[in-house]
Structure formats: structure tokens, C-alpha cells
Amino acid sequence: MMTQIVFYIFAAVLVLSASMVVSARNPVHSVLFLILAFFNAAGLFLIAGAEFLAMILVIVYVGAVAVLFLFVVMMLDIRIAQAREGLQRYAPIGAALGGVLLAELVLAFMHWRFASNIGDVGHLVPSSPTRSNTAALGDVLYTHYIFLFQACALVLLVAMIGAIVLTLRDRPTGRRQDIERQHERQAADSMELLSLPLGQSVDALGGFLRPHQSYDVAAVPGTYGTQAYREEEQRLEDSTALVVVEDVTKNESRDNE
């Protein structure tokens, strides 16, 4: 009896919070109601005995996705007045789509039937009182659905790489290293271990020691901080200065005339 009461409480709060997600006027409030909906859905999973799914819902969706949505909405500084300008224009289209979805849900629930041989269907993982729900879920994921699981991970990896490539900006002040040269360097070429007396610091011995070899050894030629980069910067400064001096002399000659 107590389980049913808790179930209906979580379900009622979940439905109310989900409705507030789409009806709240403030986008920040919508995200907060979404977090509340996730917590109540996790409570329903706990009641059903799926503790692993409940923890995943709280850790992944609430701890990462919902908080990310909240920060993105707050940083975008969405203007509500401008967002509502096209509400009346697209309201009939939204109402039509909502009616179609509602009709599909009603038809699906009206024709919902349980199979007569549901008890005879073999399970992928036989139930056992000594095995936890998390262990059974792991057996299913990493045996029967291992290829689909890896495919989902690959899709997420491609999406992450694509986001990095799209947002990557080439900064002229970025230092790039030649990986092959960096691996060829020895520890004695770049650092030195010192035995400091008690009560003395590195400053007492002359300060921090610089590497025996310059940065150019392991850097990509022409990148920021290398000798070639400094020479190119100096050449550009000299050429600019020459142009300025030439313009000044032309102006003086015109004034004399």
C-alpha cells in the first residue's frame, strides 16, 4: 500500500513538472522544472527496482545535461518578448501537430494488448535472487548488444570531434610541438634535479634554471615563440616602419613644394 502511495506521488509531481517545462514563460524556470521531472522519474525507477537507471538519470541527465541547459540558457540571455513574436503566427501549426500526436497516443493505448504467452517468453538474462539489477543489465549490454553499444559510443565520439572542429579557432599565439622531437628529448635536456639545503629555496641558488636546449628543439618550425617566428615578426615590423618613413618623406616633400 505504501509503495502505491509513493508511486502516485512521484507520478503526479512528474506530470505536473513536465507540463510546467512546456508552459513556463521563463526559460530558466523551464530548465528547473525539467530537473525536478528527472528527479521524480528517478524515484519511479527506484520503486520499480531499477536502481542503476535511477542513478544514471540523476548523474547524467541532472548532473550534466540539465545543468548544461541551464548555463546555456542563462548565458544566451534569451529575450522573452522577442521569442513570443512568432507565437500567434505558428500557433495553428503547433496545435495541428499536437492534435496528431494526441490522436496517435489515444489509438496506441486503445489497441494495447498483452500477449497471452508473455510468461513463456525466454529472457536474455535469467532472474536470480543473488544477482543485482545492475549486473544483469551489464550482461545484456556487453554480450547481446555489445555492437550497438559500441556504435552509440562511436556516434558520440564523432559528434564530440565535430563540435571541437567546428569551434576550433587558429590562434597565432598558440605553441605547437613536434611530437616526434618531443619524444626524442631526454629528461636531462629539459630539467635538472637539485638537492636544496634546509632553509634555502631555489631563489637562493640563482632562481629557476631554464632548459639546456631552447624551445625551438621540440617546437614546430614557425610557430609562436620560436626563433623563426621572432625573425618573421621583426621583419614585418621593419617593413611596416619603412613604409611609414616613406610616407612621411613624401608628405614633407609635398609641403615644401
Protein backbone atom coordinates (compact mmCIF):
# COMPACT_ATOMS: atom_id res chain seq x y z
CA MET A 1 0.00 0.00 0.00
CA MET A 2 2.79 2.42 0.90
CA THR A 3 4.56 1.67 -2.40
CA GLN A 4 1.47 2.61 -4.37
CA ILE A 5 1.08 5.90 -2.49
CA VAL A 6 4.71 6.83 -3.14
CA PHE A 7 4.31 5.83 -6.79
CA TYR A 8 1.30 8.08 -7.31
CA ILE A 9 3.05 10.99 -5.54
CA PHE A 10 6.13 10.71 -7.76
CA ALA A 11 3.96 10.25 -10.87
CA ALA A 12 1.78 13.26 -10.08
CA VAL A 13 4.77 15.54 -9.45
CA LEU A 14 6.42 14.21 -12.62
CA VAL A 15 3.39 15.01 -14.77
CA LEU A 16 2.99 18.49 -13.23
CA SER A 17 6.68 19.34 -13.63
CA ALA A 18 6.70 18.06 -17.21
CA SER A 19 3.70 20.25 -18.04
CA MET A 20 5.44 23.24 -16.46
CA VAL A 21 8.50 22.62 -18.65
CA VAL A 22 6.49 23.47 -21.77
CA SER A 23 4.19 26.07 -20.21
CA ALA A 24 6.59 28.15 -18.09
CA ARG A 25 7.25 31.61 -19.51
CA ASN A 26 10.79 31.89 -18.20
CA PRO A 27 13.30 29.53 -19.91
CA VAL A 28 15.32 29.24 -16.71
CA HIS A 29 12.22 28.09 -14.83
CA SER A 30 11.58 25.53 -17.57
CA VAL A 31 15.02 24.01 -17.05
CA LEU A 32 14.50 23.91 -13.27
CA PHE A 33 11.18 22.12 -13.74
CA LEU A 34 12.98 19.70 -16.09
CA ILE A 35 15.46 18.89 -13.32
CA LEU A 36 12.54 18.27 -10.95
CA ALA A 37 10.98 15.95 -13.53
CA PHE A 38 14.22 13.97 -13.79
CA PHE A 39 14.38 13.51 -10.03
CA ASN A 40 10.82 12.21 -9.89
CA ALA A 41 11.46 9.87 -12.81
CA ALA A 42 14.48 8.54 -10.92
CA GLY A 43 12.20 7.91 -7.94
CA LEU A 44 9.87 5.88 -10.14
CA PHE A 45 12.83 3.81 -11.34
CA LEU A 46 13.78 3.12 -7.72
CA ILE A 47 10.28 1.93 -6.96
CA ALA A 48 10.42 -0.40 -9.99
CA GLY A 49 13.72 -1.87 -8.73
CA ALA A 50 15.90 -0.33 -11.43
CA GLU A 51 18.38 1.41 -9.17
CA PHE A 52 21.05 1.61 -11.87
CA LEU A 53 18.78 3.52 -14.27
CA ALA A 54 17.77 5.84 -11.43
CA MET A 55 21.38 6.72 -10.63
CA ILE A 56 22.21 7.17 -14.32
CA LEU A 57 19.23 9.50 -14.70
CA VAL A 58 20.36 11.63 -11.77
CA ILE A 59 24.09 11.64 -12.56
CA VAL A 60 23.96 12.02 -16.34
CA TYR A 61 20.79 13.96 -17.06
CA VAL A 62 20.51 16.09 -13.93
CA GLY A 63 24.22 16.46 -13.24
CA ALA A 64 25.31 17.10 -16.81
CA VAL A 65 22.61 17.67 -19.41
CA ALA A 66 20.13 19.72 -17.39
CA VAL A 67 22.83 21.83 -15.76
CA LEU A 68 24.36 22.41 -19.20
CA PHE A 69 20.96 23.54 -20.50
CA LEU A 70 20.63 25.88 -17.54
CA PHE A 71 24.02 27.50 -18.10
CA VAL A 72 23.44 27.78 -21.86
CA VAL A 73 20.05 29.44 -21.34
CA MET A 74 21.49 31.85 -18.79
CA MET A 75 24.48 32.74 -20.98
CA LEU A 76 22.37 33.24 -24.10
CA ASP A 77 20.27 35.86 -22.30
CA ILE A 78 17.11 34.94 -24.20
CA ARG A 79 14.71 37.82 -24.62
CA ILE A 80 11.24 36.52 -23.92
CA ALA A 81 9.46 39.34 -25.74
CA GLN A 82 11.27 38.59 -28.99
CA ALA A 83 10.71 34.86 -28.60
CA ARG A 84 6.95 35.39 -28.38
CA GLU A 85 6.66 37.48 -31.51
CA GLY A 86 6.00 34.49 -33.76
CA LEU A 87 3.86 32.58 -31.26
CA GLN A 88 0.49 33.54 -32.71
CA ARG A 89 1.74 33.03 -36.25
CA TYR A 90 2.79 29.42 -35.70
CA ALA A 91 0.14 28.54 -33.11
CA PRO A 92 -2.21 26.79 -35.63
CA ILE A 93 0.62 24.63 -36.94
CA GLY A 94 1.66 23.66 -33.43
CA ALA A 95 -1.93 22.89 -32.46
CA ALA A 96 -2.35 20.67 -35.54
CA LEU A 97 0.83 18.73 -34.78
CA GLY A 98 -0.19 18.37 -31.13
CA GLY A 99 -3.59 17.03 -32.19
CA VAL A 100 -1.99 14.45 -34.47
CA LEU A 101 0.32 13.26 -31.67
CA LEU A 102 -2.57 13.09 -29.22
CA ALA A 103 -4.62 11.01 -31.66
CA GLU A 104 -1.69 8.62 -32.15
CA LEU A 105 -1.31 8.18 -28.38
CA VAL A 106 -5.04 7.54 -27.93
CA LEU A 107 -5.06 4.94 -30.71
CA ALA A 108 -1.97 3.27 -29.29
CA PHE A 109 -3.49 2.94 -25.80
CA MET A 110 -6.86 1.76 -27.15
CA HIS A 111 -5.25 -1.11 -29.05
CA TRP A 112 -2.74 -2.04 -26.35
CA ARG A 113 -2.98 -5.73 -25.55
CA PHE A 114 -0.77 -8.04 -23.50
CA ALA A 115 0.40 -11.19 -25.24
CA SER A 116 -1.24 -14.35 -24.00
CA ASN A 117 2.08 -16.21 -23.85
CA ILE A 118 4.01 -13.46 -22.07
CA GLY A 119 5.04 -15.85 -19.33
CA ASP A 120 6.55 -18.32 -21.82
CA VAL A 121 8.91 -15.80 -23.42
CA GLY A 122 12.53 -16.58 -22.59
CA HIS A 123 14.56 -13.82 -21.00
CA LEU A 124 18.04 -12.88 -22.10
CA VAL A 125 19.27 -12.97 -18.53
CA PRO A 126 17.50 -15.41 -16.19
CA SER A 127 16.35 -13.83 -12.97
CA SER A 128 18.17 -14.82 -9.81
CA PRO A 129 17.80 -13.52 -6.26
CA THR A 130 21.58 -13.44 -5.85
CA ARG A 131 22.23 -11.20 -8.89
CA SER A 132 21.64 -7.48 -8.76
CA ASN A 133 19.80 -5.50 -11.37
CA THR A 134 22.97 -3.70 -12.39
CA ALA A 135 24.84 -6.95 -13.04
CA ALA A 136 22.00 -8.31 -15.17
CA LEU A 137 21.88 -5.08 -17.18
CA GLY A 138 25.63 -5.24 -17.70
CA ASP A 139 25.38 -8.81 -19.00
CA VAL A 140 22.80 -7.75 -21.56
CA LEU A 141 24.66 -4.65 -22.71
CA TYR A 142 28.11 -6.21 -23.05
CA THR A 143 27.04 -9.53 -24.56
CA HIS A 144 23.87 -9.34 -26.66
CA TYR A 145 24.04 -5.62 -27.50
CA ILE A 146 27.80 -5.00 -27.47
CA PHE A 147 27.93 -3.89 -31.13
CA LEU A 148 25.03 -1.47 -30.72
CA PHE A 149 26.61 -0.16 -27.53
CA GLN A 150 29.92 0.46 -29.30
CA ALA A 151 28.11 2.05 -32.23
CA CYS A 152 26.43 4.54 -29.89
CA ALA A 153 29.81 5.33 -28.35
CA LEU A 154 31.25 5.88 -31.83
CA VAL A 155 28.42 8.25 -32.74
CA LEU A 156 29.04 10.26 -29.58
CA LEU A 157 32.77 10.35 -30.34
CA VAL A 158 32.15 11.63 -33.87
CA ALA A 159 29.78 14.28 -32.50
CA MET A 160 32.36 15.40 -29.95
CA ILE A 161 35.12 15.62 -32.58
CA GLY A 162 32.78 17.53 -34.91
CA ALA A 163 31.94 20.04 -32.18
CA ILE A 164 35.64 20.57 -31.47
CA VAL A 165 36.47 21.03 -35.15
CA LEU A 166 33.60 23.49 -35.71
CA THR A 167 34.53 25.63 -32.71
CA LEU A 168 38.31 25.43 -33.13
CA ARG A 169 39.98 28.74 -33.90
CA ASP A 170 43.54 29.04 -35.12
CA ARG A 171 45.28 31.34 -32.67
CA PRO A 172 48.56 32.88 -33.80
CA THR A 173 49.89 32.81 -30.24
CA GLY A 174 49.42 29.07 -29.81
CA ARG A 175 52.53 26.99 -29.29
CA ARG A 176 52.68 23.70 -31.15
CA GLN A 177 55.15 20.92 -30.52
CA ASP A 178 56.61 18.36 -32.85
CA ILE A 179 55.57 15.11 -31.18
CA GLU A 180 58.41 13.08 -32.66
CA ARG A 181 61.05 15.55 -31.48
CA GLN A 182 59.38 15.84 -28.10
CA HIS A 183 59.59 12.07 -27.59
CA GLU A 184 63.24 12.05 -28.60
CA ARG A 185 64.19 14.53 -25.88
CA GLN A 186 65.86 13.24 -22.74
CA ALA A 187 64.98 14.23 -19.22
CA ALA A 188 68.47 15.64 -18.65
CA ASP A 189 67.99 18.04 -21.58
CA SER A 190 64.93 19.74 -20.15
CA MET A 191 65.17 19.53 -16.35
CA GLU A 192 67.65 19.26 -13.54
CA LEU A 193 67.15 17.83 -10.08
CA LEU A 194 68.63 19.85 -7.22
CA SER A 195 69.20 18.96 -3.59
CA LEU A 196 68.33 22.11 -1.66
CA PRO A 197 69.75 22.68 1.81
CA LEU A 198 67.32 23.06 4.65
CA GLY A 199 66.01 26.60 4.89
CA GLN A 200 67.04 27.64 1.37
CA SER A 201 64.91 27.96 -1.71
CA VAL A 202 65.57 27.91 -5.43
CA ASP A 203 65.95 31.69 -5.41
CA ALA A 204 68.99 31.37 -3.14
CA LEU A 205 70.74 29.31 -5.84
CA GLY A 206 70.07 31.78 -8.61
CA GLY A 207 66.42 31.19 -9.42
CA PHE A 208 64.74 28.68 -11.66
CA LEU A 209 67.00 27.06 -14.20
CA ARG A 210 65.99 27.28 -17.83
CA PRO A 211 66.17 24.19 -20.10
CA HIS A 212 69.57 23.47 -21.54
CA GLN A 213 68.10 23.47 -25.02
CA SER A 214 65.82 26.15 -26.44
CA TYR A 215 62.14 25.81 -27.17
CA ASP A 216 62.89 25.51 -30.88
CA VAL A 217 64.13 21.92 -30.47
CA ALA A 218 60.70 20.42 -29.89
CA ALA A 219 58.53 23.13 -31.47
CA VAL A 220 57.01 23.10 -34.93
CA PRO A 221 59.08 25.45 -37.12
CA GLY A 222 57.49 28.85 -37.50
CA THR A 223 55.10 28.62 -34.54
CA TYR A 224 54.75 31.18 -31.77
CA GLY A 225 57.83 31.56 -29.60
CA THR A 226 60.36 30.04 -31.98
CA GLN A 227 63.31 31.85 -33.48
CA ALA A 228 61.77 31.75 -36.95
CA TYR A 229 58.59 33.33 -35.59
CA ARG A 230 60.53 36.10 -33.88
CA GLU A 231 62.51 36.80 -37.05
CA GLU A 232 59.27 36.96 -39.08
CA GLU A 233 57.74 39.36 -36.56
CA GLN A 234 60.84 41.54 -36.69
CA ARG A 235 60.79 41.53 -40.49
CA LEU A 236 57.14 42.62 -40.51
CA GLU A 237 57.89 45.41 -38.04
CA ASP A 238 60.83 46.62 -40.10
CA SER A 239 58.84 46.59 -43.33
CA THR A 240 55.98 48.48 -41.68
CA ALA A 241 58.38 51.03 -40.26
CA LEU A 242 59.94 51.52 -43.69
CA VAL A 243 56.55 52.15 -45.25
CA VAL A 244 55.71 54.70 -42.57
CA VAL A 245 59.02 56.53 -43.07
CA GLU A 246 58.47 56.56 -46.82
CA ASP A 247 55.01 58.06 -46.42
CA VAL A 248 56.36 60.73 -44.08
CA THR A 249 59.08 61.79 -46.53
CA LYS A 250 56.50 62.05 -49.32
CA ASN A 251 54.33 64.27 -47.21
CA GLU A 252 57.30 66.54 -46.33
CA SER A 253 58.26 66.92 -49.97
CA ARG A 254 54.71 67.92 -50.85
CA ASP A 255 54.68 70.50 -48.08
CA ASN A 256 57.93 72.04 -49.32
CA GLU A 257 56.51 72.43 -52.78
